[in-house]
Amino acid sequence: DRGLLRWRGGEITPVSTRDGLPSDWVRAILEDRSGALWIGTTEGLARRDRNGRVRAWRREDGLPDSYVRVVYEDGDGTLWVGTNGGLVRRQGDRFVGLGATSGLPPGRIFAMVRDHDGSLWVGAQGGLYRSPHRPPGAPGAPGEERFELVQGGAQVFALLVDHNGTLWAGTERAGLLRFRDGRLTRFLHRPGGSGRSEEHTSELQSHHD
């Protein structure tokens, strides 16, 4: 509840609502390829450029919900924003929803990642979704995503693609999911168990020796 804290030169400097953030409750941070910071808060999205200027977007500015949980930049520079009301993509100076035909229902979006094959994965309230990579010339408008449900029944909070290209998904009460070679495998803290608090995985990290 103190906003964004910056560590530089041995000093901590806060960036808060006084500086233009929509809220001091920060849920997501991303530095894009231009060096700007995108800050997701419980009451909107903010962009802080390299000169310290801050601009904010809220529901009335085109977001499906002001609660922003994840901000993700794609390999081509496309900016995605996951909110409590669904997923949007930045187009110019505005944010555009995917529409009813995308296959991704409205609801909380927690995580995003693109794998080594080019498929876009989304961890959501309704489960784990994938939009398979489409080669150039495939049917559909350029940049149009079509999602399919890979695993439902549990919220997916965290996604990670490791150095081998394996996708890992952390869920609520459904353990850890692994997608490799077209197969989905579930790992539980207690073999044969389910629905317990210890099956809750909210963060994933990859470590390289």
Protein backbone atom coordinates (compact mmCIF):
# COMPACT_ATOMS: atom_id res chain seq x y z
CA ASP A 1 0.00 0.00 0.00
CA ARG A 2 3.02 2.31 -0.48
CA GLY A 3 2.94 2.40 -4.25
CA LEU A 4 6.07 1.64 -6.27
CA LEU A 5 9.47 1.81 -4.60
CA ARG A 6 12.61 2.65 -6.59
CA TRP A 7 16.08 1.70 -5.36
CA ARG A 8 18.89 3.78 -6.84
CA GLY A 9 22.18 4.99 -5.46
CA GLY A 10 21.51 3.43 -2.10
CA GLU A 11 18.25 5.33 -1.64
CA ILE A 12 14.61 4.26 -1.83
CA THR A 13 12.22 6.66 -3.56
CA PRO A 14 8.46 6.02 -3.63
CA VAL A 15 6.27 6.53 -6.69
CA SER A 16 2.67 6.82 -5.55
CA THR A 17 -0.72 8.38 -6.23
CA ARG A 18 0.94 11.72 -5.56
CA ASP A 19 2.95 11.10 -8.73
CA GLY A 20 -0.04 10.01 -10.79
CA LEU A 21 -0.51 6.29 -10.02
CA PRO A 22 -4.19 5.26 -9.96
CA SER A 23 -3.64 3.45 -6.64
CA ASP A 24 -0.86 2.71 -4.17
CA TRP A 25 -1.70 -1.01 -4.32
CA VAL A 26 0.62 -2.28 -7.08
CA ARG A 27 0.02 -5.73 -8.54
CA ALA A 28 2.19 -5.82 -11.69
CA ILE A 29 5.30 -4.10 -13.08
CA LEU A 30 6.80 -4.31 -16.58
CA GLU A 31 9.59 -2.40 -18.30
CA ASP A 32 8.90 -2.30 -22.03
CA ARG A 33 11.45 -2.13 -24.82
CA SER A 34 11.38 1.69 -24.79
CA GLY A 35 12.37 1.77 -21.12
CA ALA A 36 8.95 2.89 -19.89
CA LEU A 37 7.44 1.27 -16.81
CA TRP A 38 3.92 -0.13 -16.93
CA ILE A 39 2.38 -0.40 -13.48
CA GLY A 40 -0.76 -2.40 -12.80
CA THR A 41 -2.72 -1.40 -9.71
CA THR A 42 -6.03 -2.25 -8.10
CA GLU A 43 -7.58 0.90 -9.58
CA GLY A 44 -6.01 1.16 -13.02
CA LEU A 45 -2.93 0.97 -15.24
CA ALA A 46 -0.14 3.55 -15.36
CA ARG A 47 2.75 4.20 -17.73
CA ARG A 48 5.80 6.03 -16.38
CA ASP A 49 8.20 7.13 -19.11
CA ARG A 50 11.94 7.57 -18.74
CA ASN A 51 11.45 11.24 -17.87
CA GLY A 52 9.15 10.42 -14.96
CA ARG A 53 5.90 11.45 -16.64
CA VAL A 54 2.94 9.28 -15.64
CA ARG A 55 -0.27 8.58 -17.54
CA ALA A 56 -3.10 6.43 -16.19
CA TRP A 57 -5.88 4.31 -17.74
CA ARG A 58 -8.96 3.07 -15.91
CA ARG A 59 -12.19 1.34 -16.78
CA GLU A 60 -13.60 4.55 -18.23
CA ASP A 61 -10.54 4.70 -20.53
CA GLY A 62 -11.20 1.32 -22.13
CA LEU A 63 -10.03 -1.30 -19.62
CA PRO A 64 -12.63 -4.03 -18.95
CA ASP A 65 -11.89 -3.60 -15.24
CA SER A 66 -9.66 -1.22 -13.30
CA TYR A 67 -8.03 -4.03 -11.28
CA VAL A 68 -4.88 -4.91 -13.28
CA ARG A 69 -3.15 -8.19 -12.39
CA VAL A 70 -0.61 -8.72 -15.17
CA VAL A 71 1.13 -6.68 -17.88
CA TYR A 72 2.98 -8.58 -20.61
CA GLU A 73 4.98 -7.45 -23.64
CA ASP A 74 5.06 -9.80 -26.60
CA GLY A 75 8.08 -10.45 -28.79
CA ASP A 76 6.79 -8.01 -31.42
CA GLY A 77 6.21 -5.26 -28.85
CA THR A 78 2.48 -5.86 -28.40
CA LEU A 79 1.40 -4.96 -24.87
CA TRP A 80 -1.18 -7.17 -23.17
CA VAL A 81 -3.01 -6.27 -19.96
CA GLY A 82 -4.84 -8.81 -17.82
CA THR A 83 -7.56 -7.43 -15.55
CA ASN A 84 -10.32 -8.73 -13.32
CA GLY A 85 -12.64 -8.33 -16.31
CA GLY A 86 -10.59 -9.99 -19.01
CA LEU A 87 -7.67 -9.48 -21.40
CA VAL A 88 -6.97 -6.47 -23.62
CA ARG A 89 -4.29 -5.57 -26.14
CA ARG A 90 -2.79 -2.14 -26.71
CA GLN A 91 -3.46 -0.64 -30.11
CA GLY A 92 -1.92 2.78 -30.50
CA ASP A 93 -3.06 4.85 -27.56
CA ARG A 94 -6.01 2.68 -26.55
CA PHE A 95 -6.75 -0.81 -25.27
CA VAL A 96 -8.97 -3.21 -27.20
CA GLY A 97 -10.71 -6.36 -25.97
CA LEU A 98 -10.44 -9.66 -27.82
CA GLY A 99 -14.14 -10.10 -28.45
CA ALA A 100 -16.55 -12.95 -27.92
CA THR A 101 -15.04 -15.11 -30.69
CA SER A 102 -11.57 -15.30 -29.08
CA GLY A 103 -12.51 -18.29 -26.91
CA LEU A 104 -11.25 -16.55 -23.78
CA PRO A 105 -14.18 -15.79 -21.46
CA PRO A 106 -14.39 -12.63 -19.31
CA GLY A 107 -12.92 -12.97 -15.83
CA ARG A 108 -9.70 -12.57 -13.90
CA ILE A 109 -6.44 -12.88 -15.85
CA PHE A 110 -3.41 -13.73 -13.70
CA ALA A 111 -0.50 -14.64 -15.99
CA MET A 112 0.68 -14.71 -19.60
CA VAL A 113 3.61 -16.18 -21.52
CA ARG A 114 4.49 -17.10 -25.09
CA ASP A 115 6.29 -20.42 -25.54
CA HIS A 116 9.13 -21.39 -27.86
CA ASP A 117 6.65 -22.54 -30.53
CA GLY A 118 4.93 -19.15 -30.57
CA SER A 119 1.75 -20.19 -28.76
CA LEU A 120 0.32 -17.66 -26.32
CA TRP A 121 -0.66 -19.06 -22.91
CA VAL A 122 -2.98 -17.38 -20.42
CA GLY A 123 -3.55 -18.27 -16.78
CA ALA A 124 -7.09 -17.25 -15.90
CA GLN A 125 -9.94 -17.61 -13.48
CA GLY A 126 -11.40 -20.33 -15.67
CA GLY A 127 -8.18 -22.32 -16.07
CA LEU A 128 -5.29 -22.62 -18.51
CA TYR A 129 -5.83 -21.32 -22.06
CA ARG A 130 -3.67 -21.50 -25.19
CA SER A 131 -3.77 -19.66 -28.48
CA PRO A 132 -1.70 -21.83 -30.87
CA HIS A 133 0.80 -20.12 -33.12
CA ARG A 134 -0.51 -19.52 -36.63
CA PRO A 135 2.01 -19.35 -39.46
CA PRO A 136 1.92 -16.48 -41.96
CA GLY A 137 -0.95 -16.91 -44.40
CA ALA A 138 -3.13 -18.88 -41.99
CA PRO A 139 -6.86 -17.96 -41.92
CA GLY A 140 -7.84 -15.04 -39.68
CA ALA A 141 -6.88 -11.43 -39.27
CA PRO A 142 -3.25 -10.62 -38.44
CA GLY A 143 -2.69 -10.64 -34.69
CA GLU A 144 -6.07 -12.23 -34.03
CA GLU A 145 -5.90 -14.77 -31.20
CA ARG A 146 -8.07 -17.89 -30.88
CA PHE A 147 -7.87 -19.52 -27.46
CA GLU A 148 -8.67 -23.06 -26.42
CA LEU A 149 -9.15 -24.36 -22.89
CA VAL A 150 -6.32 -26.76 -22.01
CA GLN A 151 -7.18 -27.36 -18.35
CA GLY A 152 -10.21 -26.08 -16.46
CA GLY A 153 -11.53 -26.43 -12.95
CA ALA A 154 -8.89 -24.34 -11.16
CA GLN A 155 -7.55 -20.82 -11.35
CA VAL A 156 -4.07 -20.55 -12.87
CA PHE A 157 -1.92 -17.97 -11.09
CA ALA A 158 1.57 -18.38 -12.56
CA LEU A 159 3.12 -19.42 -15.89
CA LEU A 160 6.71 -20.15 -16.86
CA VAL A 161 8.47 -21.55 -19.93
CA ASP A 162 11.79 -23.13 -18.95
CA HIS A 163 14.97 -23.31 -21.04
CA ASN A 164 13.82 -26.63 -22.53
CA GLY A 165 10.58 -25.09 -23.77
CA THR A 166 8.43 -26.87 -21.18
CA LEU A 167 5.45 -24.89 -19.90
CA TRP A 168 4.73 -24.90 -16.15
CA ALA A 169 1.53 -23.59 -14.57
CA GLY A 170 0.86 -22.88 -10.91
CA THR A 171 -2.76 -23.35 -9.89
CA GLU A 172 -5.14 -22.89 -7.01
CA ARG A 173 -5.66 -26.27 -5.28
CA ALA A 174 -4.80 -28.30 -8.37
CA GLY A 175 -1.06 -28.53 -7.92
CA LEU A 176 1.60 -27.79 -10.50
CA LEU A 177 0.86 -28.45 -14.17
CA ARG A 178 3.45 -29.34 -16.81
CA PHE A 179 2.78 -29.20 -20.56
CA ARG A 180 5.42 -30.98 -22.61
CA ASP A 181 5.31 -32.79 -25.97
CA GLY A 182 1.56 -32.23 -26.18
CA ARG A 183 0.87 -33.87 -22.81
CA LEU A 184 -0.38 -32.26 -19.60
CA THR A 185 0.87 -33.71 -16.30
CA ARG A 186 -0.20 -32.67 -12.81
CA PHE A 187 2.07 -32.76 -9.76
CA LEU A 188 0.55 -32.75 -6.27
CA HIS A 189 2.10 -32.12 -2.87
CA ARG A 190 0.23 -35.17 -1.59
CA PRO A 191 0.02 -38.08 -4.06
CA GLY A 192 -3.61 -38.78 -4.76
CA GLY A 193 -4.71 -35.62 -2.99
CA SER A 194 -6.49 -32.55 -4.25
CA GLY A 195 -8.22 -29.46 -2.99
CA ARG A 196 -5.76 -28.82 -0.16
CA SER A 197 -4.12 -25.50 0.57
CA GLU A 198 -0.66 -26.97 -0.07
CA GLU A 199 -1.64 -27.55 -3.72
CA HIS A 200 -1.77 -23.76 -4.19
CA THR A 201 1.11 -22.46 -6.40
CA SER A 202 1.18 -18.72 -6.99
CA GLU A 203 4.73 -18.08 -8.24
CA LEU A 204 7.25 -19.84 -10.48
CA GLN A 205 10.92 -19.07 -11.16
CA SER A 206 13.54 -20.65 -13.37
CA HIS A 207 17.14 -21.01 -12.21
CA HIS A 208 20.10 -21.67 -14.50
CA ASP A 209 23.41 -22.91 -13.10
